[in-house]
Amino acid sequence: MAGSQDFVADPRNAEVLVYLNGDLVRRDEAKVSIFDAGFSMGDGVWEGLRLHKGALLFLDAHLDRLYAGAKALAIDLGLDREAMKAALRRTLEANGMRDGAHLRLMATRGLKSTVNQDPRNALGTASIVITAEWKTPPARPGKGLALATSAIRTSGPEVFDMRLNTHSRLNLIRALLQAIEAGGDEALMLDPQGNVASCNATNFFWVKDGTVFTSGDLYCFNGITRGNVIAACRAGAAPLVQGDFPLDHVHAADEAFVTGTMGGITGVREIDGRVLAAPPGPVTQQIAAAYAAMKDADAAANPFV
């Protein structure tokens, strides 16, 4: 797999324990009912978390997003923030993890009396699942990702709010399928007005004449890494401009990169067949260095396990 969520295979993952509604079970024994709202309707929220030097990076920001999403969907998670942190810590300790792991915290509306959309058919508490796996992004010196623009658009909150980290991902999967068919690793997506928005699984930045460009906030993911990159640029890592930009602006870029919790900052080598300089470019390197410092500072200030 060549996408932004690629990772180096690790045999230790065959034996990891999964947190499932208060229990720790082997991964091959972790199961939910077909009547769970997450399975039947994609009705839930999730967070991806990175374990770095004994800390879950930017954990409070991730939990802010998780609880805000659950509130928007009227899902009672059944655990307050401290209890959720305790569940995360228990999962990491059970697996002996202190660094180099990626977690997926998933919360659905839980069991329902029947399979349909109506949330009033939920039977009680949410289903909470935490997977923790040893995952390290592969080294891609001079390679990076190939992006292909998809005909599938991102959307605003009046249609499907990209800023909610929900289990529903169909439009993004369709965009990725188009990109793969076109020979890309990930899809570049436009907003309803035809301006550059994000990729199907990551947020997108590009560089022209030393300035970093990215979309506004309405039609892309509310990314934690994206927010940190924007903060790093505003603190002096590189000039930054946010706004509405046509695809032609991207096609003239000198450099480009995507951001996400799993891969951090991943360089782009090609956009719609237009080859960029071998990634990471000099501005991307500056931003990656600033982000690495932010990670280390957060880990030092907020030890977790």
Protein backbone atom coordinates (compact mmCIF):
# COMPACT_ATOMS: atom_id res chain seq x y z
CA MET A 1 0.00 0.00 0.00
CA ALA A 2 1.40 3.40 -0.97
CA GLY A 3 -1.08 5.81 0.64
CA SER A 4 -0.59 8.28 3.47
CA GLN A 5 -1.73 5.67 6.00
CA ASP A 6 0.89 3.11 4.94
CA PHE A 7 2.96 1.49 7.70
CA VAL A 8 5.76 -0.97 8.23
CA ALA A 9 4.40 -4.44 9.04
CA ASP A 10 5.19 -5.54 12.62
CA PRO A 11 4.69 -9.16 13.76
CA ARG A 12 3.94 -8.00 17.31
CA ASN A 13 0.54 -6.82 16.11
CA ALA A 14 -0.68 -10.42 15.86
CA GLU A 15 -0.77 -10.60 19.67
CA VAL A 16 -2.10 -7.17 20.66
CA LEU A 17 -5.03 -6.80 23.03
CA VAL A 18 -8.05 -4.69 22.09
CA TYR A 19 -10.20 -2.68 24.51
CA LEU A 20 -13.82 -3.66 23.93
CA ASN A 21 -16.47 -2.12 26.20
CA GLY A 22 -14.33 -2.42 29.33
CA ASP A 23 -12.67 -5.76 28.51
CA LEU A 24 -9.26 -6.47 27.01
CA VAL A 25 -9.46 -9.23 24.40
CA ARG A 26 -7.21 -10.69 21.74
CA ARG A 27 -7.62 -8.99 18.39
CA ASP A 28 -9.02 -12.14 16.77
CA GLU A 29 -11.67 -12.33 19.50
CA ALA A 30 -12.75 -8.67 19.35
CA LYS A 31 -16.27 -8.64 17.89
CA VAL A 32 -19.35 -6.43 17.88
CA SER A 33 -22.94 -7.35 17.06
CA ILE A 34 -24.38 -6.94 13.59
CA PHE A 35 -27.02 -4.84 15.39
CA ASP A 36 -24.39 -2.34 16.52
CA ALA A 37 -25.09 1.10 15.04
CA GLY A 38 -21.52 1.43 13.89
CA PHE A 39 -21.67 -1.76 11.82
CA SER A 40 -25.18 -1.28 10.45
CA MET A 41 -25.21 2.48 9.84
CA GLY A 42 -21.69 3.86 10.27
CA ASP A 43 -23.15 5.75 13.24
CA GLY A 44 -20.24 6.76 15.42
CA VAL A 45 -17.15 8.91 15.93
CA TRP A 46 -13.47 8.06 16.21
CA GLU A 47 -10.00 9.41 16.86
CA GLY A 48 -6.57 8.34 15.66
CA LEU A 49 -3.88 8.79 18.30
CA ARG A 50 -0.09 8.62 18.09
CA LEU A 51 2.05 7.25 20.95
CA HIS A 52 5.36 9.09 21.00
CA LYS A 53 7.98 8.89 23.76
CA GLY A 54 5.46 7.81 26.39
CA ALA A 55 2.77 10.34 25.46
CA LEU A 56 -0.40 10.29 23.39
CA LEU A 57 0.32 13.36 21.33
CA PHE A 58 -2.02 16.34 21.63
CA LEU A 59 -4.45 14.16 23.56
CA ASP A 60 -6.64 16.97 24.89
CA ALA A 61 -7.21 18.32 21.38
CA HIS A 62 -8.19 14.83 20.20
CA LEU A 63 -10.59 14.35 23.08
CA ASP A 64 -12.09 17.80 22.47
CA ARG A 65 -12.85 16.69 18.91
CA LEU A 66 -14.19 13.30 20.01
CA TYR A 67 -16.61 14.68 22.59
CA ALA A 68 -17.71 17.51 20.29
CA GLY A 69 -18.49 14.98 17.56
CA ALA A 70 -20.38 12.73 19.95
CA LYS A 71 -22.41 15.71 21.15
CA ALA A 72 -23.24 16.72 17.56
CA LEU A 73 -24.54 13.19 16.93
CA ALA A 74 -26.31 12.98 20.31
CA ILE A 75 -24.22 9.95 21.34
CA ASP A 76 -23.71 9.51 25.08
CA LEU A 77 -20.24 8.00 25.32
CA GLY A 78 -20.87 6.78 28.85
CA LEU A 79 -17.31 7.68 29.90
CA ASP A 80 -16.09 11.10 30.97
CA ARG A 81 -12.69 12.35 29.83
CA GLU A 82 -10.78 10.92 32.78
CA ALA A 83 -12.43 7.53 32.37
CA MET A 84 -11.64 7.60 28.64
CA LYS A 85 -8.00 8.42 29.42
CA ALA A 86 -7.93 5.54 31.88
CA ALA A 87 -9.22 3.18 29.17
CA LEU A 88 -6.52 4.39 26.78
CA ARG A 89 -3.80 4.00 29.41
CA ARG A 90 -5.03 0.52 30.34
CA THR A 91 -4.88 -0.55 26.70
CA LEU A 92 -1.33 0.72 26.27
CA GLU A 93 -0.10 -0.82 29.50
CA ALA A 94 -1.68 -4.18 28.66
CA ASN A 95 0.27 -4.18 25.39
CA GLY A 96 3.52 -2.89 26.90
CA MET A 97 3.57 0.13 24.62
CA ARG A 98 5.50 3.35 25.24
CA ASP A 99 6.44 4.53 21.74
CA GLY A 100 5.83 3.90 18.06
CA ALA A 101 2.18 2.89 18.30
CA HIS A 102 -0.99 4.14 16.64
CA LEU A 103 -4.35 3.91 18.39
CA ARG A 104 -7.86 4.02 16.99
CA LEU A 105 -10.49 5.06 19.53
CA MET A 106 -13.96 4.26 18.17
CA ALA A 107 -17.31 5.05 19.73
CA THR A 108 -20.64 4.08 18.17
CA ARG A 109 -24.22 4.60 19.27
CA GLY A 110 -24.14 0.95 20.38
CA LEU A 111 -26.64 -1.87 20.10
CA LYS A 112 -30.02 -1.18 18.50
CA SER A 113 -33.27 -3.09 18.66
CA THR A 114 -33.37 -3.26 14.87
CA VAL A 115 -31.30 -2.24 11.87
CA ASN A 116 -32.37 1.23 10.78
CA GLN A 117 -31.29 4.85 11.04
CA ASP A 118 -33.55 5.92 13.91
CA PRO A 119 -31.36 6.71 16.96
CA ARG A 120 -34.37 6.17 19.22
CA ASN A 121 -33.93 2.44 18.65
CA ALA A 122 -30.61 2.44 20.51
CA LEU A 123 -30.75 0.12 23.50
CA GLY A 124 -28.44 1.90 25.88
CA THR A 125 -24.77 2.81 26.14
CA ALA A 126 -22.29 3.45 23.38
CA SER A 127 -19.85 0.81 22.15
CA ILE A 128 -16.26 1.84 22.91
CA VAL A 129 -13.38 0.12 21.13
CA ILE A 130 -9.67 0.97 21.30
CA THR A 131 -7.15 -0.68 19.03
CA ALA A 132 -3.44 -0.14 19.65
CA GLU A 133 -0.94 -1.36 17.07
CA TRP A 134 2.77 -1.01 16.51
CA LYS A 135 2.87 1.24 13.46
CA THR A 136 5.73 3.21 11.96
CA PRO A 137 5.35 5.12 8.68
CA PRO A 138 7.71 3.81 5.99
CA ALA A 139 10.69 5.86 4.94
CA ARG A 140 10.04 7.53 1.58
CA PRO A 141 13.24 9.44 0.77
CA GLY A 142 12.78 11.20 -2.54
CA LYS A 143 9.47 9.42 -3.23
CA GLY A 144 6.37 10.79 -1.54
CA LEU A 145 2.78 10.39 -2.68
CA ALA A 146 1.16 10.67 -6.08
CA LEU A 147 -2.15 12.56 -5.88
CA ALA A 148 -4.95 12.38 -8.42
CA THR A 149 -7.85 14.81 -8.38
CA SER A 150 -11.22 13.14 -7.86
CA ALA A 151 -14.59 14.15 -9.23
CA ILE A 152 -16.05 13.48 -5.78
CA ARG A 153 -16.29 16.76 -3.88
CA THR A 154 -15.96 17.51 -0.19
CA SER A 155 -19.02 19.03 1.44
CA GLY A 156 -20.12 21.63 3.95
CA PRO A 157 -21.97 21.12 7.23
CA GLU A 158 -25.36 21.44 5.53
CA VAL A 159 -24.66 18.21 3.57
CA PHE A 160 -21.97 16.12 5.30
CA ASP A 161 -19.77 17.95 7.79
CA MET A 162 -16.14 17.08 7.02
CA ARG A 163 -15.13 18.52 10.40
CA LEU A 164 -16.88 15.70 12.28
CA ASN A 165 -14.73 12.59 12.65
CA THR A 166 -17.55 10.19 11.93
CA HIS A 167 -17.45 6.54 10.91
CA SER A 168 -19.28 7.43 7.68
CA ARG A 169 -16.56 7.64 5.01
CA LEU A 170 -18.27 6.53 1.80
CA ASN A 171 -17.68 9.68 -0.24
CA LEU A 172 -14.01 9.65 0.76
CA ILE A 173 -13.62 5.98 -0.14
CA ARG A 174 -15.21 6.66 -3.53
CA ALA A 175 -12.73 9.49 -4.07
CA LEU A 176 -9.82 7.20 -3.19
CA LEU A 177 -11.09 4.52 -5.57
CA GLN A 178 -11.09 7.07 -8.38
CA ALA A 179 -7.56 8.14 -7.50
CA ILE A 180 -6.30 4.55 -7.44
CA GLU A 181 -7.89 3.91 -10.83
CA ALA A 182 -6.05 6.98 -12.14
CA GLY A 183 -2.74 5.67 -10.81
CA GLY A 184 -2.61 7.81 -7.67
CA ASP A 185 -1.91 6.94 -4.04
CA GLU A 186 -4.46 9.34 -2.60
CA ALA A 187 -7.25 11.55 -3.89
CA LEU A 188 -7.08 15.31 -4.03
CA MET A 189 -10.60 16.67 -3.49
CA LEU A 190 -12.20 19.98 -4.39
CA ASP A 191 -14.96 21.78 -2.49
CA PRO A 192 -18.46 22.42 -3.94
CA GLN A 193 -17.22 25.60 -5.62
CA GLY A 194 -14.32 23.81 -7.29
CA ASN A 195 -11.59 25.10 -4.99
CA VAL A 196 -8.90 22.87 -3.49
CA ALA A 197 -10.10 21.37 -0.19
CA SER A 198 -8.28 18.29 1.13
CA CYS A 199 -7.30 14.73 0.34
CA ASN A 200 -9.51 11.75 1.08
CA ALA A 201 -7.72 10.84 4.35
CA THR A 202 -5.42 13.78 5.05
CA ASN A 203 -5.26 17.54 4.82
CA PHE A 204 -3.36 19.14 1.96
CA PHE A 205 -0.77 21.92 1.76
CA TRP A 206 1.30 23.19 -1.15
CA VAL A 207 4.21 25.60 -1.53
CA LYS A 208 4.87 28.25 -4.17
CA ASP A 209 7.80 30.68 -4.05
CA GLY A 210 8.43 29.91 -0.37
CA THR A 211 4.83 30.48 0.77
CA VAL A 212 2.63 27.70 2.10
CA PHE A 213 -0.97 27.56 0.91
CA THR A 214 -3.95 25.61 2.19
CA SER A 215 -7.73 25.75 2.07
CA GLY A 216 -10.07 27.46 4.47
CA ASP A 217 -11.54 25.46 7.34
CA LEU A 218 -15.10 24.78 6.17
CA TYR A 219 -14.65 22.01 3.58
CA CYS A 220 -11.78 19.98 5.01
CA PHE A 221 -11.03 17.80 8.02
CA ASN A 222 -10.64 19.44 11.42
CA GLY A 223 -7.19 17.89 11.58
CA ILE A 224 -5.09 18.08 14.74
CA THR A 225 -1.85 17.82 12.73
CA ARG A 226 -3.19 20.39 10.26
CA GLY A 227 -3.83 22.79 13.14
CA ASN A 228 -0.32 22.26 14.46
CA VAL A 229 1.21 22.92 11.04
CA ILE A 230 -0.81 26.13 10.70
CA ALA A 231 0.33 27.16 14.19
CA ALA A 232 3.96 26.37 13.32
CA CYS A 233 3.74 28.50 10.17
CA ARG A 234 2.21 31.39 12.09
CA ALA A 235 5.02 31.06 14.63
CA GLY A 236 7.59 31.57 11.86
CA ALA A 237 8.25 28.20 10.21
CA ALA A 238 7.06 29.57 6.85
CA PRO A 239 4.67 32.20 5.44
CA LEU A 240 1.12 30.83 5.22
CA VAL A 241 -1.95 31.83 3.22
CA GLN A 242 -5.36 30.20 3.75
CA GLY A 243 -8.20 30.71 1.31
CA ASP A 244 -10.00 29.53 -1.79
CA PHE A 245 -7.68 28.43 -4.59
CA PRO A 246 -8.40 26.79 -7.96
CA LEU A 247 -6.70 23.58 -9.00
CA ASP A 248 -4.45 25.50 -11.41
CA HIS A 249 -2.78 27.11 -8.40
CA VAL A 250 -1.83 23.67 -7.08
CA HIS A 251 -0.61 22.50 -10.48
CA ALA A 252 1.95 25.33 -10.37
CA ALA A 253 3.28 24.33 -6.93
CA ASP A 254 6.96 23.84 -6.14
CA GLU A 255 6.29 21.48 -3.24
CA ALA A 256 3.32 19.81 -1.57
CA PHE A 257 2.64 17.69 1.49
CA VAL A 258 -0.23 16.14 3.39
CA THR A 259 -0.80 15.94 7.14
CA GLY A 260 -2.36 13.34 9.41
CA THR A 261 -1.91 11.71 12.79
CA MET A 262 -0.55 8.45 11.40
CA GLY A 263 1.97 9.76 8.89
CA GLY A 264 2.62 13.21 10.35
CA ILE A 265 3.91 15.22 7.39
CA THR A 266 4.20 13.26 4.15
CA GLY A 267 5.69 14.76 1.01
CA VAL A 268 3.98 14.68 -2.40
CA ARG A 269 5.95 13.83 -5.52
CA GLU A 270 3.26 14.19 -8.19
CA ILE A 271 -0.16 15.82 -8.68
CA ASP A 272 -2.31 14.78 -11.65
CA GLY A 273 0.78 13.62 -13.51
CA ARG A 274 2.73 16.84 -12.85
CA VAL A 275 6.01 15.87 -11.17
CA LEU A 276 7.30 18.01 -8.31
CA ALA A 277 10.85 18.23 -7.02
CA ALA A 278 11.86 15.15 -5.03
CA PRO A 279 10.13 15.43 -1.64
CA PRO A 280 10.53 16.66 0.95
CA GLY A 281 11.33 20.09 -0.43
CA PRO A 282 13.13 22.76 1.64
CA VAL A 283 9.98 24.44 2.98
CA THR A 284 8.42 21.06 3.78
CA GLN A 285 11.60 20.17 5.68
CA GLN A 286 11.36 23.38 7.73
CA ILE A 287 7.78 22.62 8.67
CA ALA A 288 8.55 18.96 9.42
CA ALA A 289 11.34 20.06 11.76
CA ALA A 290 9.00 22.48 13.54
CA TYR A 291 6.35 19.78 13.88
CA ALA A 292 8.91 17.29 15.23
CA ALA A 293 9.86 19.83 17.89
CA MET A 294 6.18 20.31 18.75
CA LYS A 295 5.76 16.54 19.19
CA ASP A 296 8.77 16.26 21.47
CA ALA A 297 7.66 19.25 23.54
CA ASP A 298 4.16 17.83 23.94
CA ALA A 299 5.52 14.41 24.92
CA ALA A 300 7.81 15.94 27.51
CA ALA A 301 5.06 18.09 28.99
CA ASN A 302 2.34 15.43 29.00
CA PRO A 303 3.69 11.95 29.86
CA PHE A 304 0.96 9.33 29.68
CA VAL A 305 2.46 5.85 30.19
